[in-house]
Amino acid sequence: TAGFDDKIRFWEAPSGICSRELRCPDSQVNCLEITPDKQFLAAGGNPHIRLYDINNTTNHNPVLTLEGHQSSVTSIGFQRDGRYLYSGSEDGTVKLWDLRSPTYSRSFESGANVNSVALHPNQAEIISGDSNGSVK
């Protein structure tokens, strides 16, 4: 879980015990997504995205920081093989990131704050919903 307290918490579901905590000192966390191989956790903040190694319990620092949005990241997701991440932001853009590079590879203008993004099952189309009620 995560939120406006700038912390990401890992919980043990059966016991309800918080087993690990990461601190994001410069931003709230708006959204979380785990890679398909369950190796990394992506956290969308304001205005960046940070990837953490889930299995490394000693390093609390992100292994990758993605910068390119100008406002809060509201939604993130991964392509099936985990090579690409897609994101939506209150800056009105949807971005596609190749995780081998710290910069985005494509950017699409929505014209309004992006509330959600999803990848079509064909893995070739990104669908977004914005604050004007449009789905693109």
C-alpha atoms as a PDB file:
ATOM      1  CA  THR A   1       0.000   0.000   0.000  1.00  0.00           C
ATOM      2  CA  ALA A   2       1.035   3.630  -0.358  1.00  0.00           C
ATOM      3  CA  GLY A   3      -0.344   7.126  -0.106  1.00  0.00           C
ATOM      4  CA  PHE A   4       0.150  10.731   0.903  1.00  0.00           C
ATOM      5  CA  ASP A   5       2.336   9.800   3.885  1.00  0.00           C
ATOM      6  CA  ASP A   6       5.233   9.229   1.429  1.00  0.00           C
ATOM      7  CA  LYS A   7       5.593   5.556   2.385  1.00  0.00           C
ATOM      8  CA  ILE A   8       5.207   2.240   0.602  1.00  0.00           C
ATOM      9  CA  ARG A   9       4.292  -0.639   2.892  1.00  0.00           C
ATOM     10  CA  PHE A  10       4.509  -4.380   2.257  1.00  0.00           C
ATOM     11  CA  TRP A  11       1.934  -6.397   4.196  1.00  0.00           C
ATOM     12  CA  GLU A  12       1.718 -10.062   5.089  1.00  0.00           C
ATOM     13  CA  ALA A  13      -1.825 -10.880   4.068  1.00  0.00           C
ATOM     14  CA  PRO A  14      -2.575 -13.708   6.544  1.00  0.00           C
ATOM     15  CA  SER A  15      -1.362 -11.819   9.625  1.00  0.00           C
ATOM     16  CA  GLY A  16      -1.925  -8.205   8.580  1.00  0.00           C
ATOM     17  CA  ILE A  17       1.593  -7.327   9.731  1.00  0.00           C
ATOM     18  CA  CYS A  18       3.602  -4.679   7.895  1.00  0.00           C
ATOM     19  CA  SER A  19       6.792  -6.546   6.980  1.00  0.00           C
ATOM     20  CA  ARG A  20       8.649  -3.818   5.110  1.00  0.00           C
ATOM     21  CA  GLU A  21       8.493  -0.082   4.529  1.00  0.00           C
ATOM     22  CA  LEU A  22      10.055   2.159   1.877  1.00  0.00           C
ATOM     23  CA  ARG A  23      10.148   5.933   2.190  1.00  0.00           C
ATOM     24  CA  CYS A  24       9.584   8.308  -0.733  1.00  0.00           C
ATOM     25  CA  PRO A  25      10.724  11.564   0.897  1.00  0.00           C
ATOM     26  CA  ASP A  26      10.023  13.943  -1.984  1.00  0.00           C
ATOM     27  CA  SER A  27       6.546  12.892  -3.107  1.00  0.00           C
ATOM     28  CA  GLN A  28       3.315  11.205  -2.198  1.00  0.00           C
ATOM     29  CA  VAL A  29       2.654   7.875  -3.916  1.00  0.00           C
ATOM     30  CA  ASN A  30      -0.408   7.923  -6.165  1.00  0.00           C
ATOM     31  CA  CYS A  31      -0.251   4.461  -7.719  1.00  0.00           C
ATOM     32  CA  LEU A  32       1.631   1.164  -7.538  1.00  0.00           C
ATOM     33  CA  GLU A  33       2.161  -1.659 -10.003  1.00  0.00           C
ATOM     34  CA  ILE A  34       4.239  -4.853  -9.835  1.00  0.00           C
ATOM     35  CA  THR A  35       6.084  -6.144 -12.907  1.00  0.00           C
ATOM     36  CA  PRO A  36       4.702  -9.353 -14.430  1.00  0.00           C
ATOM     37  CA  ASP A  37       7.773 -11.286 -13.212  1.00  0.00           C
ATOM     38  CA  LYS A  38       7.177  -9.903  -9.687  1.00  0.00           C
ATOM     39  CA  GLN A  39      10.737  -8.566  -9.468  1.00  0.00           C
ATOM     40  CA  PHE A  40      10.065  -4.808  -9.385  1.00  0.00           C
ATOM     41  CA  LEU A  41       7.510  -2.415  -7.924  1.00  0.00           C
ATOM     42  CA  ALA A  42       6.747   0.828  -9.768  1.00  0.00           C
ATOM     43  CA  ALA A  43       5.502   3.790  -7.726  1.00  0.00           C
ATOM     44  CA  GLY A  44       3.935   6.808  -9.426  1.00  0.00           C
ATOM     45  CA  GLY A  45       4.427  10.097  -7.602  1.00  0.00           C
ATOM     46  CA  ASN A  46       4.636  13.789  -8.372  1.00  0.00           C
ATOM     47  CA  PRO A  47       5.993  13.998 -11.056  1.00  0.00           C
ATOM     48  CA  HIS A  48       8.195  10.905 -11.349  1.00  0.00           C
ATOM     49  CA  ILE A  49       7.982   7.124 -11.393  1.00  0.00           C
ATOM     50  CA  ARG A  50      10.344   5.048  -9.294  1.00  0.00           C
ATOM     51  CA  LEU A  51      11.120   1.338  -9.606  1.00  0.00           C
ATOM     52  CA  TYR A  52      12.163  -0.670  -6.553  1.00  0.00           C
ATOM     53  CA  ASP A  53      13.632  -4.161  -6.400  1.00  0.00           C
ATOM     54  CA  ILE A  54      11.047  -6.151  -4.436  1.00  0.00           C
ATOM     55  CA  ASN A  55      13.441  -8.946  -3.509  1.00  0.00           C
ATOM     56  CA  ASN A  56      16.245  -6.724  -2.191  1.00  0.00           C
ATOM     57  CA  THR A  57      15.249  -6.036   1.402  1.00  0.00           C
ATOM     58  CA  THR A  58      18.479  -4.208   2.289  1.00  0.00           C
ATOM     59  CA  ASN A  59      18.423  -1.524  -0.433  1.00  0.00           C
ATOM     60  CA  HIS A  60      15.561   0.924   0.102  1.00  0.00           C
ATOM     61  CA  ASN A  61      16.567   3.156  -2.826  1.00  0.00           C
ATOM     62  CA  PRO A  62      14.938   2.989  -6.251  1.00  0.00           C
ATOM     63  CA  VAL A  63      16.847   1.098  -8.934  1.00  0.00           C
ATOM     64  CA  LEU A  64      15.431   3.397 -11.626  1.00  0.00           C
ATOM     65  CA  THR A  65      13.749   6.805 -11.657  1.00  0.00           C
ATOM     66  CA  LEU A  66      11.691   7.821 -14.687  1.00  0.00           C
ATOM     67  CA  GLU A  67      11.254  11.549 -15.232  1.00  0.00           C
ATOM     68  CA  GLY A  68       9.197  13.218 -17.936  1.00  0.00           C
ATOM     69  CA  HIS A  69       5.774  13.998 -16.519  1.00  0.00           C
ATOM     70  CA  GLN A  70       5.130  17.552 -15.341  1.00  0.00           C
ATOM     71  CA  SER A  71       2.506  16.715 -12.704  1.00  0.00           C
ATOM     72  CA  SER A  72       1.260  13.810 -10.571  1.00  0.00           C
ATOM     73  CA  VAL A  73       1.392  10.363 -12.131  1.00  0.00           C
ATOM     74  CA  THR A  74      -2.074   8.878 -11.636  1.00  0.00           C
ATOM     75  CA  SER A  75      -1.865   5.465 -13.290  1.00  0.00           C
ATOM     76  CA  ILE A  76       0.852   3.029 -14.409  1.00  0.00           C
ATOM     77  CA  GLY A  77       1.078  -0.447 -15.882  1.00  0.00           C
ATOM     78  CA  PHE A  78       3.427  -2.889 -17.567  1.00  0.00           C
ATOM     79  CA  GLN A  79       3.431  -4.674 -20.865  1.00  0.00           C
ATOM     80  CA  ARG A  80       3.186  -8.459 -20.503  1.00  0.00           C
ATOM     81  CA  ASP A  81       6.953  -9.124 -20.744  1.00  0.00           C
ATOM     82  CA  GLY A  82       7.770  -6.205 -18.408  1.00  0.00           C
ATOM     83  CA  ARG A  83      10.014  -4.413 -20.907  1.00  0.00           C
ATOM     84  CA  TYR A  84       7.688  -1.421 -21.277  1.00  0.00           C
ATOM     85  CA  LEU A  85       5.853   0.675 -18.702  1.00  0.00           C
ATOM     86  CA  TYR A  86       2.997   3.028 -19.591  1.00  0.00           C
ATOM     87  CA  SER A  87       1.777   5.919 -17.464  1.00  0.00           C
ATOM     88  CA  GLY A  88      -0.874   8.609 -17.264  1.00  0.00           C
ATOM     89  CA  SER A  89      -0.607  11.932 -15.476  1.00  0.00           C
ATOM     90  CA  GLU A  90      -2.473  15.027 -14.399  1.00  0.00           C
ATOM     91  CA  ASP A  91      -0.287  16.857 -16.937  1.00  0.00           C
ATOM     92  CA  GLY A  92      -2.633  15.474 -19.621  1.00  0.00           C
ATOM     93  CA  THR A  93      -0.187  13.005 -21.142  1.00  0.00           C
ATOM     94  CA  VAL A  94       0.141   9.268 -21.553  1.00  0.00           C
ATOM     95  CA  LYS A  95       3.740   8.102 -21.832  1.00  0.00           C
ATOM     96  CA  LEU A  96       5.369   4.859 -22.931  1.00  0.00           C
ATOM     97  CA  TRP A  97       8.709   3.984 -21.323  1.00  0.00           C
ATOM     98  CA  ASP A  98      11.281   1.431 -22.499  1.00  0.00           C
ATOM     99  CA  LEU A  99      12.761   0.389 -19.148  1.00  0.00           C
ATOM    100  CA  ARG A 100      16.231   0.059 -20.662  1.00  0.00           C
ATOM    101  CA  SER A 101      16.282   3.877 -20.843  1.00  0.00           C
ATOM    102  CA  PRO A 102      15.417   6.523 -18.210  1.00  0.00           C
ATOM    103  CA  THR A 103      13.493   8.675 -20.729  1.00  0.00           C
ATOM    104  CA  TYR A 104      10.113   8.012 -22.294  1.00  0.00           C
ATOM    105  CA  SER A 105       9.986   6.714 -25.860  1.00  0.00           C
ATOM    106  CA  ARG A 106       6.518   8.041 -26.790  1.00  0.00           C
ATOM    107  CA  SER A 107       4.178  10.684 -25.415  1.00  0.00           C
ATOM    108  CA  PHE A 108       0.522  11.240 -26.275  1.00  0.00           C
ATOM    109  CA  GLU A 109      -1.525  14.354 -25.428  1.00  0.00           C
ATOM    110  CA  SER A 110      -4.920  13.707 -23.864  1.00  0.00           C
ATOM    111  CA  GLY A 111      -6.128  17.292 -23.551  1.00  0.00           C
ATOM    112  CA  ALA A 112      -7.216  16.745 -19.932  1.00  0.00           C
ATOM    113  CA  ASN A 113      -5.912  15.177 -16.707  1.00  0.00           C
ATOM    114  CA  VAL A 114      -5.415  11.460 -17.278  1.00  0.00           C
ATOM    115  CA  ASN A 115      -7.130   9.423 -14.554  1.00  0.00           C
ATOM    116  CA  SER A 116      -6.377   5.906 -15.752  1.00  0.00           C
ATOM    117  CA  VAL A 117      -4.468   3.931 -18.363  1.00  0.00           C
ATOM    118  CA  ALA A 118      -4.761   0.293 -19.389  1.00  0.00           C
ATOM    119  CA  LEU A 119      -3.124  -1.905 -21.986  1.00  0.00           C
ATOM    120  CA  HIS A 120      -5.408  -3.618 -24.478  1.00  0.00           C
ATOM    121  CA  PRO A 121      -5.070  -7.428 -24.414  1.00  0.00           C
ATOM    122  CA  ASN A 122      -3.452  -7.266 -27.868  1.00  0.00           C
ATOM    123  CA  GLN A 123      -0.492  -5.545 -26.086  1.00  0.00           C
ATOM    124  CA  ALA A 124      -0.349  -2.902 -28.858  1.00  0.00           C
ATOM    125  CA  GLU A 125      -2.857  -0.257 -27.745  1.00  0.00           C
ATOM    126  CA  ILE A 126      -2.940   1.919 -24.624  1.00  0.00           C
ATOM    127  CA  ILE A 127      -6.388   3.045 -23.496  1.00  0.00           C
ATOM    128  CA  SER A 128      -6.789   6.133 -21.323  1.00  0.00           C
ATOM    129  CA  GLY A 129      -9.594   7.782 -19.402  1.00  0.00           C
ATOM    130  CA  ASP A 130      -9.432  11.478 -18.616  1.00  0.00           C
ATOM    131  CA  SER A 131     -11.132  14.048 -16.394  1.00  0.00           C
ATOM    132  CA  ASN A 132     -13.361  15.206 -19.280  1.00  0.00           C
ATOM    133  CA  GLY A 133     -14.932  11.739 -19.354  1.00  0.00           C
ATOM    134  CA  SER A 134     -13.216  10.728 -22.589  1.00  0.00           C
ATOM    135  CA  VAL A 135     -11.868   7.250 -23.232  1.00  0.00           C
ATOM    136  CA  LYS A 136      -9.189   7.142 -25.917  1.00  0.00           C
END
